[in-house]
Amino acid sequence: MAHAQAHRHPERTDQTIWEVFEAERPQLVPYSGRFDGFHAVPASVSKTCLVRFDQNKYSVVASAVGRPVEVPAYADRIIIRQDGRIVAEHPRSFGRGETIYNPWHYVPCAGARP
């Protein structure tokens, strides 16, 4: 708020950012719903049950291989969905080149022969 009160608006240079906001405030629509802050990106599942997202790889259930998924990314976790069904959920990693596994994703593959 202090920044808005102290700096001029970039387009309405005769007013501060705060003054422009206060003038617009009566026209704003109040929002009382839940804020579910995430961004979602499409991805594909590799043959090794992995989805690449933001420089890292995350495991998914074996049944998801070969079909596209959507990755809603939150600040603390990612959820991987396929056809509306959750096929993985992991804590979000902000490293690079990491692979995050859930060993239960690979159980169906344990008895399979190449």
PDB file of N, CA and C in Angstrom:
ATOM      1  N   MET A   1       0.817  -1.179   0.000  1.00  0.00           N
ATOM      2  CA  MET A   1       0.000   0.000   0.000  1.00  0.00           C
ATOM      3  C   MET A   1       0.875   1.262   0.000  1.00  0.00           C
ATOM      4  N   ALA A   2       1.959   1.232   0.734  1.00  0.00           N
ATOM      5  CA  ALA A   2       2.837   2.405   0.797  1.00  0.00           C
ATOM      6  C   ALA A   2       3.393   2.745  -0.582  1.00  0.00           C
ATOM      7  N   HIS A   3       3.734   1.708  -1.339  1.00  0.00           N
ATOM      8  CA  HIS A   3       4.240   1.930  -2.697  1.00  0.00           C
ATOM      9  C   HIS A   3       3.175   2.615  -3.550  1.00  0.00           C
ATOM     10  N   ALA A   4       1.941   2.125  -3.476  1.00  0.00           N
ATOM     11  CA  ALA A   4       0.850   2.679  -4.279  1.00  0.00           C
ATOM     12  C   ALA A   4       0.555   4.122  -3.898  1.00  0.00           C
ATOM     13  N   GLN A   5       0.700   4.462  -2.636  1.00  0.00           N
ATOM     14  CA  GLN A   5       0.427   5.820  -2.196  1.00  0.00           C
ATOM     15  C   GLN A   5       1.546   6.786  -2.567  1.00  0.00           C
ATOM     16  N   ALA A   6       2.742   6.268  -2.740  1.00  0.00           N
ATOM     17  CA  ALA A   6       3.896   7.131  -2.993  1.00  0.00           C
ATOM     18  C   ALA A   6       4.261   7.286  -4.467  1.00  0.00           C
ATOM     19  N   HIS A   7       3.719   6.431  -5.343  1.00  0.00           N
ATOM     20  CA  HIS A   7       4.137   6.465  -6.746  1.00  0.00           C
ATOM     21  C   HIS A   7       2.999   6.865  -7.679  1.00  0.00           C
ATOM     22  N   ARG A   8       3.366   7.553  -8.705  1.00  0.00           N
ATOM     23  CA  ARG A   8       2.406   7.992  -9.716  1.00  0.00           C
ATOM     24  C   ARG A   8       1.952   6.822 -10.569  1.00  0.00           C
ATOM     25  N   HIS A   9       0.713   6.900 -10.992  1.00  0.00           N
ATOM     26  CA  HIS A   9       0.158   5.895 -11.901  1.00  0.00           C
ATOM     27  C   HIS A   9       0.859   6.038 -13.246  1.00  0.00           C
ATOM     28  N   PRO A  10       1.209   4.931 -13.930  1.00  0.00           N
ATOM     29  CA  PRO A  10       1.962   5.037 -15.193  1.00  0.00           C
ATOM     30  C   PRO A  10       1.176   5.691 -16.336  1.00  0.00           C
ATOM     31  N   GLU A  11      -0.142   5.594 -16.314  1.00  0.00           N
ATOM     32  CA  GLU A  11      -0.947   6.186 -17.395  1.00  0.00           C
ATOM     33  C   GLU A  11      -1.617   7.491 -16.970  1.00  0.00           C
ATOM     34  N   ARG A  12      -2.022   7.555 -15.719  1.00  0.00           N
ATOM     35  CA  ARG A  12      -2.666   8.766 -15.184  1.00  0.00           C
ATOM     36  C   ARG A  12      -1.669   9.455 -14.261  1.00  0.00           C
ATOM     37  N   THR A  13      -0.727  10.113 -14.874  1.00  0.00           N
ATOM     38  CA  THR A  13       0.416  10.650 -14.134  1.00  0.00           C
ATOM     39  C   THR A  13       0.070  11.772 -13.167  1.00  0.00           C
ATOM     40  N   ASP A  14      -1.142  12.301 -13.257  1.00  0.00           N
ATOM     41  CA  ASP A  14      -1.558  13.345 -12.316  1.00  0.00           C
ATOM     42  C   ASP A  14      -2.083  12.747 -11.004  1.00  0.00           C
ATOM     43  N   GLN A  15      -2.152  11.391 -10.914  1.00  0.00           N
ATOM     44  CA  GLN A  15      -2.655  10.713  -9.724  1.00  0.00           C
ATOM     45  C   GLN A  15      -1.681   9.625  -9.297  1.00  0.00           C
ATOM     46  N   THR A  16      -1.769   9.262  -8.021  1.00  0.00           N
ATOM     47  CA  THR A  16      -0.972   8.130  -7.543  1.00  0.00           C
ATOM     48  C   THR A  16      -1.705   6.833  -7.899  1.00  0.00           C
ATOM     49  N   ILE A  17      -1.007   5.722  -7.791  1.00  0.00           N
ATOM     50  CA  ILE A  17      -1.620   4.408  -8.031  1.00  0.00           C
ATOM     51  C   ILE A  17      -2.774   4.214  -7.057  1.00  0.00           C
ATOM     52  N   TRP A  18      -2.578   4.633  -5.814  1.00  0.00           N
ATOM     53  CA  TRP A  18      -3.616   4.475  -4.788  1.00  0.00           C
ATOM     54  C   TRP A  18      -4.865   5.301  -5.118  1.00  0.00           C
ATOM     55  N   GLU A  19      -4.682   6.511  -5.594  1.00  0.00           N
ATOM     56  CA  GLU A  19      -5.822   7.359  -5.944  1.00  0.00           C
ATOM     57  C   GLU A  19      -6.638   6.747  -7.081  1.00  0.00           C
ATOM     58  N   VAL A  20      -5.973   6.184  -8.061  1.00  0.00           N
ATOM     59  CA  VAL A  20      -6.675   5.529  -9.170  1.00  0.00           C
ATOM     60  C   VAL A  20      -7.424   4.302  -8.661  1.00  0.00           C
ATOM     61  N   PHE A  21      -6.776   3.534  -7.789  1.00  0.00           N
ATOM     62  CA  PHE A  21      -7.439   2.360  -7.211  1.00  0.00           C
ATOM     63  C   PHE A  21      -8.681   2.775  -6.422  1.00  0.00           C
ATOM     64  N   GLU A  22      -8.565   3.776  -5.582  1.00  0.00           N
ATOM     65  CA  GLU A  22      -9.707   4.234  -4.780  1.00  0.00           C
ATOM     66  C   GLU A  22     -10.850   4.713  -5.673  1.00  0.00           C
ATOM     67  N   ALA A  23     -10.553   5.354  -6.796  1.00  0.00           N
ATOM     68  CA  ALA A  23     -11.599   5.801  -7.728  1.00  0.00           C
ATOM     69  C   ALA A  23     -12.288   4.610  -8.392  1.00  0.00           C
ATOM     70  N   GLU A  24     -11.548   3.526  -8.640  1.00  0.00           N
ATOM     71  CA  GLU A  24     -12.106   2.336  -9.296  1.00  0.00           C
ATOM     72  C   GLU A  24     -12.777   1.378  -8.320  1.00  0.00           C
ATOM     73  N   ARG A  25     -12.472   1.468  -7.054  1.00  0.00           N
ATOM     74  CA  ARG A  25     -12.966   0.528  -6.048  1.00  0.00           C
ATOM     75  C   ARG A  25     -14.487   0.321  -6.077  1.00  0.00           C
ATOM     76  N   PRO A  26     -15.318   1.360  -6.219  1.00  0.00           N
ATOM     77  CA  PRO A  26     -16.776   1.124  -6.224  1.00  0.00           C
ATOM     78  C   PRO A  26     -17.262   0.250  -7.388  1.00  0.00           C
ATOM     79  N   GLN A  27     -16.514   0.194  -8.474  1.00  0.00           N
ATOM     80  CA  GLN A  27     -16.914  -0.620  -9.618  1.00  0.00           C
ATOM     81  C   GLN A  27     -16.429  -2.065  -9.531  1.00  0.00           C
ATOM     82  N   LEU A  28     -15.568  -2.357  -8.572  1.00  0.00           N
ATOM     83  CA  LEU A  28     -15.042  -3.721  -8.444  1.00  0.00           C
ATOM     84  C   LEU A  28     -16.110  -4.646  -7.891  1.00  0.00           C
ATOM     85  N   VAL A  29     -16.124  -5.862  -8.384  1.00  0.00           N
ATOM     86  CA  VAL A  29     -17.090  -6.855  -7.935  1.00  0.00           C
ATOM     87  C   VAL A  29     -16.457  -7.652  -6.802  1.00  0.00           C
ATOM     88  N   PRO A  30     -17.111  -7.712  -5.649  1.00  0.00           N
ATOM     89  CA  PRO A  30     -16.533  -8.496  -4.554  1.00  0.00           C
ATOM     90  C   PRO A  30     -16.519  -9.981  -4.893  1.00  0.00           C
ATOM     91  N   TYR A  31     -15.460 -10.638  -4.499  1.00  0.00           N
ATOM     92  CA  TYR A  31     -15.326 -12.066  -4.760  1.00  0.00           C
ATOM     93  C   TYR A  31     -15.323 -12.791  -3.433  1.00  0.00           C
ATOM     94  N   SER A  32     -16.273 -13.675  -3.241  1.00  0.00           N
ATOM     95  CA  SER A  32     -16.356 -14.384  -1.972  1.00  0.00           C
ATOM     96  C   SER A  32     -16.088 -15.881  -2.103  1.00  0.00           C
ATOM     97  N   GLY A  33     -15.736 -16.320  -3.288  1.00  0.00           N
ATOM     98  CA  GLY A  33     -15.469 -17.742  -3.504  1.00  0.00           C
ATOM     99  C   GLY A  33     -14.076 -18.138  -3.076  1.00  0.00           C
ATOM    100  N   ARG A  34     -13.793 -19.404  -3.215  1.00  0.00           N
ATOM    101  CA  ARG A  34     -12.485 -19.959  -2.881  1.00  0.00           C
ATOM    102  C   ARG A  34     -11.495 -19.606  -3.985  1.00  0.00           C
ATOM    103  N   PHE A  35     -10.301 -19.196  -3.606  1.00  0.00           N
ATOM    104  CA  PHE A  35      -9.256 -18.918  -4.580  1.00  0.00           C
ATOM    105  C   PHE A  35      -8.370 -20.143  -4.689  1.00  0.00           C
ATOM    106  N   ASP A  36      -8.386 -20.775  -5.844  1.00  0.00           N
ATOM    107  CA  ASP A  36      -7.610 -21.982  -6.074  1.00  0.00           C
ATOM    108  C   ASP A  36      -6.457 -21.620  -7.014  1.00  0.00           C
ATOM    109  N   GLY A  37      -5.444 -20.991  -6.481  1.00  0.00           N
ATOM    110  CA  GLY A  37      -4.371 -20.433  -7.293  1.00  0.00           C
ATOM    111  C   GLY A  37      -3.414 -21.463  -7.855  1.00  0.00           C
ATOM    112  N   PHE A  38      -3.515 -21.726  -9.147  1.00  0.00           N
ATOM    113  CA  PHE A  38      -2.604 -22.630  -9.821  1.00  0.00           C
ATOM    114  C   PHE A  38      -2.565 -22.269 -11.287  1.00  0.00           C
ATOM    115  N   HIS A  39      -1.572 -22.770 -11.980  1.00  0.00           N
ATOM    116  CA  HIS A  39      -1.590 -22.707 -13.435  1.00  0.00           C
ATOM    117  C   HIS A  39      -1.448 -24.137 -13.935  1.00  0.00           C
ATOM    118  N   ALA A  40      -2.136 -24.422 -15.038  1.00  0.00           N
ATOM    119  CA  ALA A  40      -2.151 -25.794 -15.562  1.00  0.00           C
ATOM    120  C   ALA A  40      -1.503 -25.828 -16.940  1.00  0.00           C
ATOM    121  N   VAL A  41      -0.727 -26.871 -17.175  1.00  0.00           N
ATOM    122  CA  VAL A  41      -0.087 -27.052 -18.479  1.00  0.00           C
ATOM    123  C   VAL A  41      -0.306 -28.483 -18.955  1.00  0.00           C
ATOM    124  N   PRO A  42      -0.420 -28.674 -20.262  1.00  0.00           N
ATOM    125  CA  PRO A  42      -0.521 -30.035 -20.783  1.00  0.00           C
ATOM    126  C   PRO A  42       0.857 -30.705 -20.771  1.00  0.00           C
ATOM    127  N   ALA A  43       0.865 -32.014 -20.682  1.00  0.00           N
ATOM    128  CA  ALA A  43       2.121 -32.767 -20.699  1.00  0.00           C
ATOM    129  C   ALA A  43       1.849 -34.165 -21.236  1.00  0.00           C
ATOM    130  N   SER A  44       2.927 -34.900 -21.488  1.00  0.00           N
ATOM    131  CA  SER A  44       2.781 -36.280 -21.931  1.00  0.00           C
ATOM    132  C   SER A  44       3.500 -37.187 -20.935  1.00  0.00           C
ATOM    133  N   VAL A  45       3.109 -38.446 -20.934  1.00  0.00           N
ATOM    134  CA  VAL A  45       3.680 -39.427 -20.012  1.00  0.00           C
ATOM    135  C   VAL A  45       4.653 -40.306 -20.786  1.00  0.00           C
ATOM    136  N   SER A  46       5.870 -40.431 -20.272  1.00  0.00           N
ATOM    137  CA  SER A  46       6.876 -41.260 -20.942  1.00  0.00           C
ATOM    138  C   SER A  46       6.599 -42.742 -20.689  1.00  0.00           C
ATOM    139  N   LYS A  47       7.343 -43.590 -21.390  1.00  0.00           N
ATOM    140  CA  LYS A  47       7.213 -45.042 -21.213  1.00  0.00           C
ATOM    141  C   LYS A  47       7.664 -45.487 -19.827  1.00  0.00           C
ATOM    142  N   THR A  48       8.417 -44.623 -19.151  1.00  0.00           N
ATOM    143  CA  THR A  48       8.893 -44.945 -17.809  1.00  0.00           C
ATOM    144  C   THR A  48       8.027 -44.298 -16.721  1.00  0.00           C
ATOM    145  N   CYS A  49       6.786 -43.986 -17.079  1.00  0.00           N
ATOM    146  CA  CYS A  49       5.799 -43.447 -16.124  1.00  0.00           C
ATOM    147  C   CYS A  49       6.196 -42.093 -15.563  1.00  0.00           C
ATOM    148  N   LEU A  50       6.863 -41.278 -16.346  1.00  0.00           N
ATOM    149  CA  LEU A  50       7.307 -39.975 -15.875  1.00  0.00           C
ATOM    150  C   LEU A  50       6.705 -38.850 -16.705  1.00  0.00           C
ATOM    151  N   VAL A  51       6.418 -37.739 -16.027  1.00  0.00           N
ATOM    152  CA  VAL A  51       5.924 -36.523 -16.664  1.00  0.00           C
ATOM    153  C   VAL A  51       6.937 -35.424 -16.387  1.00  0.00           C
ATOM    154  N   ARG A  52       7.335 -34.727 -17.443  1.00  0.00           N
ATOM    155  CA  ARG A  52       8.281 -33.623 -17.281  1.00  0.00           C
ATOM    156  C   ARG A  52       7.490 -32.346 -17.028  1.00  0.00           C
ATOM    157  N   PHE A  53       7.859 -31.667 -15.938  1.00  0.00           N
ATOM    158  CA  PHE A  53       7.234 -30.382 -15.625  1.00  0.00           C
ATOM    159  C   PHE A  53       8.266 -29.464 -14.994  1.00  0.00           C
ATOM    160  N   ASP A  54       8.440 -28.308 -15.552  1.00  0.00           N
ATOM    161  CA  ASP A  54       9.287 -27.261 -14.975  1.00  0.00           C
ATOM    162  C   ASP A  54      10.686 -27.762 -14.607  1.00  0.00           C
ATOM    163  N   GLN A  55      11.356 -28.363 -15.558  1.00  0.00           N
ATOM    164  CA  GLN A  55      12.746 -28.839 -15.424  1.00  0.00           C
ATOM    165  C   GLN A  55      12.915 -30.069 -14.535  1.00  0.00           C
ATOM    166  N   ASN A  56      11.816 -30.702 -14.116  1.00  0.00           N
ATOM    167  CA  ASN A  56      11.887 -31.904 -13.290  1.00  0.00           C
ATOM    168  C   ASN A  56      10.972 -32.974 -13.858  1.00  0.00           C
ATOM    169  N   LYS A  57      11.115 -34.201 -13.343  1.00  0.00           N
ATOM    170  CA  LYS A  57      10.250 -35.309 -13.751  1.00  0.00           C
ATOM    171  C   LYS A  57       9.531 -35.845 -12.521  1.00  0.00           C
ATOM    172  N   TYR A  58       8.253 -36.204 -12.723  1.00  0.00           N
ATOM    173  CA  TYR A  58       7.425 -36.726 -11.645  1.00  0.00           C
ATOM    174  C   TYR A  58       6.790 -38.026 -12.107  1.00  0.00           C
ATOM    175  N   SER A  59       6.732 -39.021 -11.222  1.00  0.00           N
ATOM    176  CA  SER A  59       6.140 -40.303 -11.588  1.00  0.00           C
ATOM    177  C   SER A  59       4.623 -40.228 -11.555  1.00  0.00           C
ATOM    178  N   VAL A  60       4.006 -41.087 -12.384  1.00  0.00           N
ATOM    179  CA  VAL A  60       2.546 -41.235 -12.422  1.00  0.00           C
ATOM    180  C   VAL A  60       2.230 -42.728 -12.416  1.00  0.00           C
ATOM    181  N   VAL A  61       0.969 -43.066 -12.183  1.00  0.00           N
ATOM    182  CA  VAL A  61       0.580 -44.474 -12.204  1.00  0.00           C
ATOM    183  C   VAL A  61       0.848 -45.061 -13.589  1.00  0.00           C
ATOM    184  N   ALA A  62       1.180 -46.326 -13.616  1.00  0.00           N
ATOM    185  CA  ALA A  62       1.557 -46.994 -14.868  1.00  0.00           C
ATOM    186  C   ALA A  62       0.446 -46.956 -15.909  1.00  0.00           C
ATOM    187  N   SER A  63      -0.795 -46.958 -15.488  1.00  0.00           N
ATOM    188  CA  SER A  63      -1.907 -46.954 -16.446  1.00  0.00           C
ATOM    189  C   SER A  63      -2.013 -45.653 -17.239  1.00  0.00           C
ATOM    190  N   ALA A  64      -1.273 -44.631 -16.851  1.00  0.00           N
ATOM    191  CA  ALA A  64      -1.326 -43.337 -17.538  1.00  0.00           C
ATOM    192  C   ALA A  64      -0.366 -43.242 -18.724  1.00  0.00           C
ATOM    193  N   VAL A  65       0.493 -44.233 -18.904  1.00  0.00           N
ATOM    194  CA  VAL A  65       1.505 -44.187 -19.966  1.00  0.00           C
ATOM    195  C   VAL A  65       0.860 -44.069 -21.330  1.00  0.00           C
ATOM    196  N   GLY A  66       1.454 -43.184 -22.143  1.00  0.00           N
ATOM    197  CA  GLY A  66       1.059 -43.082 -23.547  1.00  0.00           C
ATOM    198  C   GLY A  66      -0.105 -42.154 -23.833  1.00  0.00           C
ATOM    199  N   ARG A  67      -0.678 -41.522 -22.814  1.00  0.00           N
ATOM    200  CA  ARG A  67      -1.798 -40.612 -23.043  1.00  0.00           C
ATOM    201  C   ARG A  67      -1.506 -39.265 -22.400  1.00  0.00           C
ATOM    202  N   PRO A  68      -2.029 -38.185 -22.950  1.00  0.00           N
ATOM    203  CA  PRO A  68      -1.736 -36.853 -22.403  1.00  0.00           C
ATOM    204  C   PRO A  68      -2.340 -36.640 -21.014  1.00  0.00           C
ATOM    205  N   VAL A  69      -1.721 -35.747 -20.268  1.00  0.00           N
ATOM    206  CA  VAL A  69      -2.177 -35.378 -18.935  1.00  0.00           C
ATOM    207  C   VAL A  69      -2.195 -33.854 -18.823  1.00  0.00           C
ATOM    208  N   GLU A  70      -2.810 -33.377 -17.757  1.00  0.00           N
ATOM    209  CA  GLU A  70      -2.773 -31.957 -17.432  1.00  0.00           C
ATOM    210  C   GLU A  70      -2.127 -31.833 -16.066  1.00  0.00           C
ATOM    211  N   VAL A  71      -1.255 -30.842 -15.920  1.00  0.00           N
ATOM    212  CA  VAL A  71      -0.518 -30.653 -14.673  1.00  0.00           C
ATOM    213  C   VAL A  71      -0.900 -29.309 -14.052  1.00  0.00           C
ATOM    214  N   PRO A  72      -1.850 -29.308 -13.108  1.00  0.00           N
ATOM    215  CA  PRO A  72      -2.095 -28.094 -12.334  1.00  0.00           C
ATOM    216  C   PRO A  72      -0.985 -27.934 -11.299  1.00  0.00           C
ATOM    217  N   ALA A  73      -0.274 -26.823 -11.356  1.00  0.00           N
ATOM    218  CA  ALA A  73       0.854 -26.586 -10.450  1.00  0.00           C
ATOM    219  C   ALA A  73       0.484 -25.526  -9.423  1.00  0.00           C
ATOM    220  N   TYR A  74       0.560 -25.907  -8.172  1.00  0.00           N
ATOM    221  CA  TYR A  74       0.335 -24.993  -7.062  1.00  0.00           C
ATOM    222  C   TYR A  74       1.697 -24.582  -6.509  1.00  0.00           C
ATOM    223  N   ALA A  75       1.707 -23.681  -5.571  1.00  0.00           N
ATOM    224  CA  ALA A  75       2.975 -23.232  -4.986  1.00  0.00           C
ATOM    225  C   ALA A  75       3.691 -24.361  -4.262  1.00  0.00           C
ATOM    226  N   ASP A  76       2.937 -25.278  -3.655  1.00  0.00           N
ATOM    227  CA  ASP A  76       3.553 -26.312  -2.830  1.00  0.00           C
ATOM    228  C   ASP A  76       3.461 -27.722  -3.387  1.00  0.00           C
ATOM    229  N   ARG A  77       2.664 -27.927  -4.437  1.00  0.00           N
ATOM    230  CA  ARG A  77       2.474 -29.284  -4.962  1.00  0.00           C
ATOM    231  C   ARG A  77       2.048 -29.230  -6.425  1.00  0.00           C
ATOM    232  N   ILE A  78       2.190 -30.388  -7.064  1.00  0.00           N
ATOM    233  CA  ILE A  78       1.625 -30.540  -8.402  1.00  0.00           C
ATOM    234  C   ILE A  78       0.673 -31.726  -8.368  1.00  0.00           C
ATOM    235  N   ILE A  79      -0.357 -31.626  -9.151  1.00  0.00           N
ATOM    236  CA  ILE A  79      -1.318 -32.707  -9.315  1.00  0.00           C
ATOM    237  C   ILE A  79      -1.310 -33.043 -10.792  1.00  0.00           C
ATOM    238  N   ILE A  80      -1.304 -34.315 -11.109  1.00  0.00           N
ATOM    239  CA  ILE A  80      -1.304 -34.722 -12.512  1.00  0.00           C
ATOM    240  C   ILE A  80      -2.623 -35.444 -12.768  1.00  0.00           C
ATOM    241  N   ARG A  81      -3.381 -34.914 -13.733  1.00  0.00           N
ATOM    242  CA  ARG A  81      -4.703 -35.467 -14.037  1.00  0.00           C
ATOM    243  C   ARG A  81      -4.739 -35.988 -15.466  1.00  0.00           C
ATOM    244  N   GLN A  82      -5.491 -37.063 -15.629  1.00  0.00           N
ATOM    245  CA  GLN A  82      -5.717 -37.628 -16.954  1.00  0.00           C
ATOM    246  C   GLN A  82      -7.204 -37.933 -17.052  1.00  0.00           C
ATOM    247  N   ASP A  83      -7.862 -37.319 -18.016  1.00  0.00           N
ATOM    248  CA  ASP A  83      -9.312 -37.483 -18.186  1.00  0.00           C
ATOM    249  C   ASP A  83     -10.064 -37.170 -16.888  1.00  0.00           C
ATOM    250  N   GLY A  84      -9.627 -36.137 -16.165  1.00  0.00           N
ATOM    251  CA  GLY A  84     -10.286 -35.721 -14.940  1.00  0.00           C
ATOM    252  C   GLY A  84      -9.928 -36.530 -13.708  1.00  0.00           C
ATOM    253  N   ARG A  85      -9.169 -37.595 -13.862  1.00  0.00           N
ATOM    254  CA  ARG A  85      -8.790 -38.481 -12.752  1.00  0.00           C
ATOM    255  C   ARG A  85      -7.368 -38.151 -12.313  1.00  0.00           C
ATOM    256  N   ILE A  86      -7.122 -38.082 -11.013  1.00  0.00           N
ATOM    257  CA  ILE A  86      -5.772 -37.812 -10.502  1.00  0.00           C
ATOM    258  C   ILE A  86      -4.926 -39.071 -10.653  1.00  0.00           C
ATOM    259  N   VAL A  87      -3.824 -38.955 -11.396  1.00  0.00           N
ATOM    260  CA  VAL A  87      -2.918 -40.088 -11.592  1.00  0.00           C
ATOM    261  C   VAL A  87      -1.610 -39.912 -10.813  1.00  0.00           C
ATOM    262  N   ALA A  88      -1.434 -38.744 -10.184  1.00  0.00           N
ATOM    263  CA  ALA A  88      -0.265 -38.516  -9.321  1.00  0.00           C
ATOM    264  C   ALA A  88      -0.434 -37.194  -8.593  1.00  0.00           C
ATOM    265  N   GLU A  89       0.182 -37.145  -7.428  1.00  0.00           N
ATOM    266  CA  GLU A  89       0.284 -35.894  -6.673  1.00  0.00           C
ATOM    267  C   GLU A  89       1.609 -35.930  -5.936  1.00  0.00           C
ATOM    268  N   HIS A  90       2.379 -34.847  -6.070  1.00  0.00           N
ATOM    269  CA  HIS A  90       3.716 -34.780  -5.487  1.00  0.00           C
ATOM    270  C   HIS A  90       3.959 -33.402  -4.883  1.00  0.00           C
ATOM    271  N   PRO A  91       4.836 -33.327  -3.877  1.00  0.00           N
ATOM    272  CA  PRO A  91       5.301 -32.002  -3.454  1.00  0.00           C
ATOM    273  C   PRO A  91       6.030 -31.367  -4.633  1.00  0.00           C
ATOM    274  N   ARG A  92       5.862 -30.091  -4.842  1.00  0.00           N
ATOM    275  CA  ARG A  92       6.505 -29.427  -5.974  1.00  0.00           C
ATOM    276  C   ARG A  92       7.980 -29.198  -5.676  1.00  0.00           C
ATOM    277  N   SER A  93       8.808 -29.503  -6.644  1.00  0.00           N
ATOM    278  CA  SER A  93      10.244 -29.281  -6.524  1.00  0.00           C
ATOM    279  C   SER A  93      10.629 -28.069  -7.359  1.00  0.00           C
ATOM    280  N   PHE A  94      11.422 -27.196  -6.799  1.00  0.00           N
ATOM    281  CA  PHE A  94      11.890 -26.038  -7.547  1.00  0.00           C
ATOM    282  C   PHE A  94      13.345 -26.193  -7.974  1.00  0.00           C
ATOM    283  N   GLY A  95      13.878 -27.417  -7.816  1.00  0.00           N
ATOM    284  CA  GLY A  95      15.219 -27.702  -8.303  1.00  0.00           C
ATOM    285  C   GLY A  95      15.196 -27.886  -9.809  1.00  0.00           C
ATOM    286  N   ARG A  96      16.302 -28.373 -10.338  1.00  0.00           N
ATOM    287  CA  ARG A  96      16.394 -28.646 -11.770  1.00  0.00           C
ATOM    288  C   ARG A  96      16.977 -30.028 -11.965  1.00  0.00           C
ATOM    289  N   GLY A  97      16.391 -30.761 -12.901  1.00  0.00           N
ATOM    290  CA  GLY A  97      16.908 -32.075 -13.217  1.00  0.00           C
ATOM    291  C   GLY A  97      16.593 -33.136 -12.182  1.00  0.00           C
ATOM    292  N   GLU A  98      15.676 -32.862 -11.280  1.00  0.00           N
ATOM    293  CA  GLU A  98      15.316 -33.837 -10.258  1.00  0.00           C
ATOM    294  C   GLU A  98      14.240 -34.779 -10.783  1.00  0.00           C
ATOM    295  N   THR A  99      14.216 -35.985 -10.233  1.00  0.00           N
ATOM    296  CA  THR A  99      13.163 -36.947 -10.541  1.00  0.00           C
ATOM    297  C   THR A  99      12.513 -37.333  -9.230  1.00  0.00           C
ATOM    298  N   ILE A 100      11.221 -37.108  -9.154  1.00  0.00           N
ATOM    299  CA  ILE A 100      10.472 -37.369  -7.936  1.00  0.00           C
ATOM    300  C   ILE A 100       9.609 -38.601  -8.170  1.00  0.00           C
ATOM    301  N   TYR A 101       9.882 -39.647  -7.428  1.00  0.00           N
ATOM    302  CA  TYR A 101       9.190 -40.930  -7.602  1.00  0.00           C
ATOM    303  C   TYR A 101       8.223 -41.211  -6.462  1.00  0.00           C
ATOM    304  N   ASN A 102       7.179 -41.934  -6.794  1.00  0.00           N
ATOM    305  CA  ASN A 102       6.344 -42.614  -5.811  1.00  0.00           C
ATOM    306  C   ASN A 102       6.450 -44.085  -6.183  1.00  0.00           C
ATOM    307  N   PRO A 103       7.085 -44.921  -5.366  1.00  0.00           N
ATOM    308  CA  PRO A 103       7.294 -46.326  -5.749  1.00  0.00           C
ATOM    309  C   PRO A 103       5.997 -47.084  -6.014  1.00  0.00           C
ATOM    310  N   TRP A 104       4.895 -46.660  -5.406  1.00  0.00           N
ATOM    311  CA  TRP A 104       3.614 -47.338  -5.642  1.00  0.00           C
ATOM    312  C   TRP A 104       3.138 -47.182  -7.084  1.00  0.00           C
ATOM    313  N   HIS A 105       3.615 -46.174  -7.773  1.00  0.00           N
ATOM    314  CA  HIS A 105       3.242 -45.998  -9.176  1.00  0.00           C
ATOM    315  C   HIS A 105       3.770 -47.144 -10.048  1.00  0.00           C
ATOM    316  N   TYR A 106       4.824 -47.808  -9.596  1.00  0.00           N
ATOM    317  CA  TYR A 106       5.477 -48.835 -10.402  1.00  0.00           C
ATOM    318  C   TYR A 106       5.095 -50.262 -10.021  1.00  0.00           C
ATOM    319  N   VAL A 107       4.291 -50.436  -8.992  1.00  0.00           N
ATOM    320  CA  VAL A 107       3.916 -51.778  -8.550  1.00  0.00           C
ATOM    321  C   VAL A 107       3.291 -52.604  -9.679  1.00  0.00           C
ATOM    322  N   PRO A 108       2.357 -52.062 -10.487  1.00  0.00           N
ATOM    323  CA  PRO A 108       1.798 -52.871 -11.565  1.00  0.00           C
ATOM    324  C   PRO A 108       2.836 -53.353 -12.591  1.00  0.00           C
ATOM    325  N   CYS A 109       3.946 -52.630 -12.661  1.00  0.00           N
ATOM    326  CA  CYS A 109       5.000 -52.997 -13.622  1.00  0.00           C
ATOM    327  C   CYS A 109       5.962 -54.049 -13.069  1.00  0.00           C
ATOM    328  N   ALA A 110       5.921 -54.286 -11.784  1.00  0.00           N
ATOM    329  CA  ALA A 110       6.891 -55.175 -11.127  1.00  0.00           C
ATOM    330  C   ALA A 110       6.854 -56.591 -11.671  1.00  0.00           C
ATOM    331  N   GLY A 111       5.675 -57.091 -12.015  1.00  0.00           N
ATOM    332  CA  GLY A 111       5.579 -58.453 -12.522  1.00  0.00           C
ATOM    333  C   GLY A 111       5.608 -58.549 -14.041  1.00  0.00           C
ATOM    334  N   ALA A 112       5.669 -57.410 -14.710  1.00  0.00           N
ATOM    335  CA  ALA A 112       5.663 -57.417 -16.184  1.00  0.00           C
ATOM    336  C   ALA A 112       7.009 -57.842 -16.735  1.00  0.00           C
ATOM    337  N   ARG A 113       6.977 -58.533 -17.845  1.00  0.00           N
ATOM    338  CA  ARG A 113       8.213 -58.943 -18.516  1.00  0.00           C
ATOM    339  C   ARG A 113       8.376 -58.107 -19.782  1.00  0.00           C
ATOM    340  N   PRO A 114       9.605 -57.739 -20.091  1.00  0.00           N
ATOM    341  CA  PRO A 114       9.854 -56.907 -21.281  1.00  0.00           C
ATOM    342  C   PRO A 114       9.566 -57.639 -22.574  1.00  0.00           C
TER     343      PRO A 114
END
